[in-house]
N, C-alpha and C. Protein backbone atom coordinates (compact mmCIF):
# COMPACT_ATOMS: atom_id res chain seq x y z
N MET A 1 82.43 50.70 -50.03
CA MET A 1 82.38 51.35 -48.85
C MET A 1 82.34 52.64 -48.71
N GLU A 2 81.82 53.23 -47.74
CA GLU A 2 81.74 54.99 -47.70
C GLU A 2 82.46 55.14 -46.66
N LEU A 3 83.48 56.38 -46.51
CA LEU A 3 84.31 56.37 -45.67
C LEU A 3 84.40 58.04 -45.48
N ASP A 4 84.50 58.42 -44.27
CA ASP A 4 84.74 59.49 -43.69
C ASP A 4 85.66 60.30 -43.95
N GLU A 5 85.56 61.48 -43.91
CA GLU A 5 86.55 62.24 -44.73
C GLU A 5 87.57 62.23 -43.65
N GLY A 6 88.90 62.38 -44.36
CA GLY A 6 90.38 62.20 -43.45
C GLY A 6 90.98 61.41 -43.14
N ARG A 7 90.17 60.42 -42.04
CA ARG A 7 90.82 58.91 -41.36
C ARG A 7 90.62 58.36 -42.12
N GLY A 8 89.82 57.80 -43.04
CA GLY A 8 89.37 56.75 -43.49
C GLY A 8 88.52 55.39 -42.84
N VAL A 9 88.07 56.37 -42.19
CA VAL A 9 86.92 55.19 -40.90
C VAL A 9 85.75 54.85 -41.77
N PRO A 10 85.33 53.48 -42.03
CA PRO A 10 83.97 53.70 -42.38
C PRO A 10 83.07 54.49 -41.98
N ALA A 11 82.24 55.07 -42.57
CA ALA A 11 81.23 55.36 -42.22
C ALA A 11 79.77 54.98 -40.93
N THR A 12 79.88 53.93 -41.68
CA THR A 12 78.92 53.03 -40.54
C THR A 12 79.74 52.86 -39.43
N GLN A 13 81.00 52.91 -39.36
CA GLN A 13 81.36 52.85 -37.48
C GLN A 13 81.09 53.92 -36.87
N THR A 14 80.84 55.06 -37.91
CA THR A 14 81.17 56.27 -36.82
C THR A 14 79.66 56.55 -36.37
N VAL A 15 78.55 55.67 -37.34
CA VAL A 15 77.06 55.53 -36.93
C VAL A 15 76.72 55.07 -35.96
N ARG A 16 77.29 53.61 -35.70
CA ARG A 16 77.49 52.69 -34.59
C ARG A 16 77.85 53.20 -33.21
N HIS A 17 78.95 53.96 -33.36
CA HIS A 17 79.35 54.82 -32.05
C HIS A 17 78.32 55.71 -31.67
N ALA A 18 77.85 56.27 -32.63
CA ALA A 18 77.10 57.34 -32.56
C ALA A 18 75.92 56.43 -31.44
N GLY A 19 75.23 55.90 -32.02
CA GLY A 19 74.53 54.74 -31.48
C GLY A 19 74.32 54.46 -30.03
N ALA A 20 75.60 53.89 -30.44
CA ALA A 20 75.98 53.53 -28.47
C ALA A 20 76.16 54.24 -27.88
N LEU A 21 76.95 55.21 -28.11
CA LEU A 21 77.01 56.45 -27.41
C LEU A 21 75.49 57.36 -26.82
N GLY A 22 74.63 57.09 -27.79
CA GLY A 22 73.35 57.81 -27.83
C GLY A 22 72.56 56.74 -26.82
N ALA A 23 72.84 55.80 -26.93
CA ALA A 23 71.97 54.74 -25.73
C ALA A 23 72.53 55.15 -25.07
N LEU A 24 73.94 54.95 -24.51
CA LEU A 24 74.53 55.59 -22.78
C LEU A 24 73.44 56.29 -22.52
N LEU A 25 73.78 57.24 -23.32
CA LEU A 25 73.16 58.75 -22.75
C LEU A 25 71.90 58.85 -22.34
N ALA A 26 70.77 58.24 -23.22
CA ALA A 26 69.76 57.96 -22.90
C ALA A 26 69.49 57.38 -21.78
N LEU A 27 70.07 55.79 -21.71
CA LEU A 27 69.78 54.96 -20.61
C LEU A 27 69.85 55.62 -19.14
N GLY A 28 71.10 56.80 -19.03
CA GLY A 28 71.25 57.54 -18.24
C GLY A 28 70.13 58.69 -17.41
N ALA A 29 69.66 59.23 -18.76
CA ALA A 29 68.62 59.81 -18.96
C ALA A 29 67.45 59.39 -18.25
N ALA A 30 67.04 58.07 -18.78
CA ALA A 30 65.76 57.15 -18.13
C ALA A 30 66.20 56.88 -16.64
N ALA A 31 67.37 56.57 -16.30
CA ALA A 31 67.69 55.94 -14.70
C ALA A 31 67.36 57.38 -14.02
N VAL A 32 68.04 58.41 -14.54
CA VAL A 32 67.85 59.53 -13.68
C VAL A 32 66.27 60.05 -13.60
N PHE A 33 65.27 59.82 -14.39
CA PHE A 33 63.99 59.94 -14.63
C PHE A 33 62.91 58.95 -13.46
N ALA A 34 63.87 57.75 -13.52
CA ALA A 34 62.95 56.66 -13.12
C ALA A 34 63.29 57.07 -11.47
N LEU A 35 64.54 57.49 -10.81
CA LEU A 35 64.98 57.72 -9.63
C LEU A 35 64.27 59.26 -8.95
N ALA A 36 63.98 59.98 -10.16
CA ALA A 36 63.11 61.37 -9.77
C ALA A 36 61.69 61.20 -9.64
N ALA A 37 61.54 59.97 -10.08
CA ALA A 37 59.88 59.63 -9.91
C ALA A 37 59.23 58.48 -8.98
N SER A 38 60.50 58.74 -8.11
CA SER A 38 60.34 57.14 -7.14
C SER A 38 58.84 57.35 -6.22
N GLY A 39 58.31 58.66 -6.53
CA GLY A 39 56.81 58.73 -5.59
C GLY A 39 56.04 58.34 -6.15
N PHE A 40 55.80 57.52 -7.22
CA PHE A 40 54.81 57.43 -8.27
C PHE A 40 54.81 55.80 -8.28
N GLY A 41 53.59 54.88 -8.78
CA GLY A 41 53.42 53.91 -9.21
C GLY A 41 54.47 53.27 -10.13
N PRO A 42 54.78 51.99 -10.02
CA PRO A 42 55.72 51.33 -11.09
C PRO A 42 55.32 51.22 -12.54
N VAL A 43 53.93 51.29 -12.81
CA VAL A 43 54.18 51.63 -13.98
C VAL A 43 54.36 52.80 -14.84
N ALA A 44 53.91 54.17 -13.83
CA ALA A 44 54.13 55.26 -14.68
C ALA A 44 55.65 55.63 -14.40
N ARG A 45 56.60 54.79 -13.47
CA ARG A 45 58.00 55.22 -13.03
C ARG A 45 58.89 54.65 -14.25
N TYR A 46 58.35 53.06 -14.65
CA TYR A 46 59.00 52.21 -15.58
C TYR A 46 58.67 52.54 -16.93
N GLY A 47 57.64 53.12 -17.38
CA GLY A 47 57.07 53.44 -18.27
C GLY A 47 57.37 54.79 -18.80
N GLY A 48 57.69 55.51 -18.11
CA GLY A 48 57.92 57.11 -18.00
C GLY A 48 59.79 57.01 -18.33
N ALA A 49 60.09 56.14 -18.11
CA ALA A 49 61.58 55.70 -18.31
C ALA A 49 61.72 55.54 -19.49
N VAL A 50 60.75 54.48 -20.28
CA VAL A 50 61.44 53.68 -21.38
C VAL A 50 60.82 55.23 -22.21
N TRP A 51 59.86 56.05 -22.08
CA TRP A 51 59.55 57.01 -22.63
C TRP A 51 60.81 57.77 -22.70
N VAL A 52 61.28 58.14 -21.61
CA VAL A 52 62.27 59.21 -21.94
C VAL A 52 63.70 58.68 -22.85
N PHE A 53 63.78 57.40 -22.46
CA PHE A 53 64.78 56.73 -23.11
C PHE A 53 64.69 56.50 -24.65
N ILE A 54 63.44 56.37 -25.31
CA ILE A 54 63.29 56.33 -26.93
C ILE A 54 63.47 57.73 -27.11
N LEU A 55 62.95 58.78 -26.43
CA LEU A 55 62.73 59.78 -27.10
C LEU A 55 64.51 60.63 -26.84
N THR A 56 64.83 60.26 -25.87
CA THR A 56 66.32 61.04 -25.33
C THR A 56 67.10 60.28 -26.84
N TRP A 57 67.00 59.26 -27.26
CA TRP A 57 67.95 58.10 -28.07
C TRP A 57 67.61 58.98 -29.66
N ILE A 58 66.28 59.22 -30.04
CA ILE A 58 65.78 60.06 -31.29
C ILE A 58 66.18 61.14 -31.09
N ILE A 59 66.52 61.65 -30.20
CA ILE A 59 67.24 63.26 -30.31
C ILE A 59 68.44 63.68 -30.55
N LEU A 60 69.29 62.41 -29.70
CA LEU A 60 70.61 62.24 -29.31
C LEU A 60 71.29 62.07 -31.22
N MET A 61 70.54 60.90 -31.76
CA MET A 61 71.18 60.46 -32.96
C MET A 61 71.40 60.96 -33.81
N PRO A 62 70.54 62.14 -34.49
CA PRO A 62 71.11 62.99 -35.45
C PRO A 62 72.12 64.18 -35.23
N VAL A 63 71.98 64.54 -33.58
CA VAL A 63 73.21 65.05 -33.23
C VAL A 63 74.47 64.98 -32.96
N LEU A 64 74.74 63.47 -32.67
CA LEU A 64 75.94 62.53 -32.45
C LEU A 64 76.75 62.15 -33.36
N ALA A 65 76.14 61.56 -34.32
CA ALA A 65 76.52 61.28 -35.83
C ALA A 65 77.22 62.31 -36.17
N PRO A 66 76.41 63.20 -36.70
CA PRO A 66 77.86 64.35 -37.47
C PRO A 66 78.90 65.48 -36.40
N TRP A 67 78.53 65.17 -35.29
CA TRP A 67 79.47 65.39 -33.93
C TRP A 67 80.46 64.71 -34.60
N LEU A 68 80.25 63.27 -34.18
CA LEU A 68 81.80 62.41 -34.10
C LEU A 68 82.37 62.24 -35.35
N LYS A 69 81.79 62.53 -36.30
CA LYS A 69 82.14 62.95 -37.85
C LYS A 69 83.40 63.76 -37.94
N GLU A 70 82.78 65.08 -37.57
CA GLU A 70 83.68 66.20 -37.50
C GLU A 70 84.82 65.72 -36.50
N ARG A 71 84.32 65.46 -35.65
CA ARG A 71 85.77 65.17 -34.56
C ARG A 71 86.84 64.10 -35.00
N ARG A 72 86.30 62.83 -35.94
CA ARG A 72 87.05 62.13 -36.26
C ARG A 72 88.31 63.01 -37.40
N ALA A 73 87.42 63.63 -37.94
CA ALA A 73 87.91 64.35 -39.22
C ALA A 73 88.96 65.21 -38.61
N ALA A 74 89.19 65.36 -37.61
CA ALA A 74 89.98 66.77 -37.17
C ALA A 74 91.20 66.17 -36.47
């Protein structure tokens, strides 16, 4: 089992935490989009919210995982 440096926390646990945090942030971004797009039809509003959720999560995962690893090592 691969461990993070410093604390002995399994690396998979750090990645899971990054995934959960990324999902929460992406869900928030999708909710903001859905509220901001209230003047459009439901397909555009909810389809756009799903698109924002997926893209935000994809962008956040490579950013959050190393950030959390550094933070746990400190």
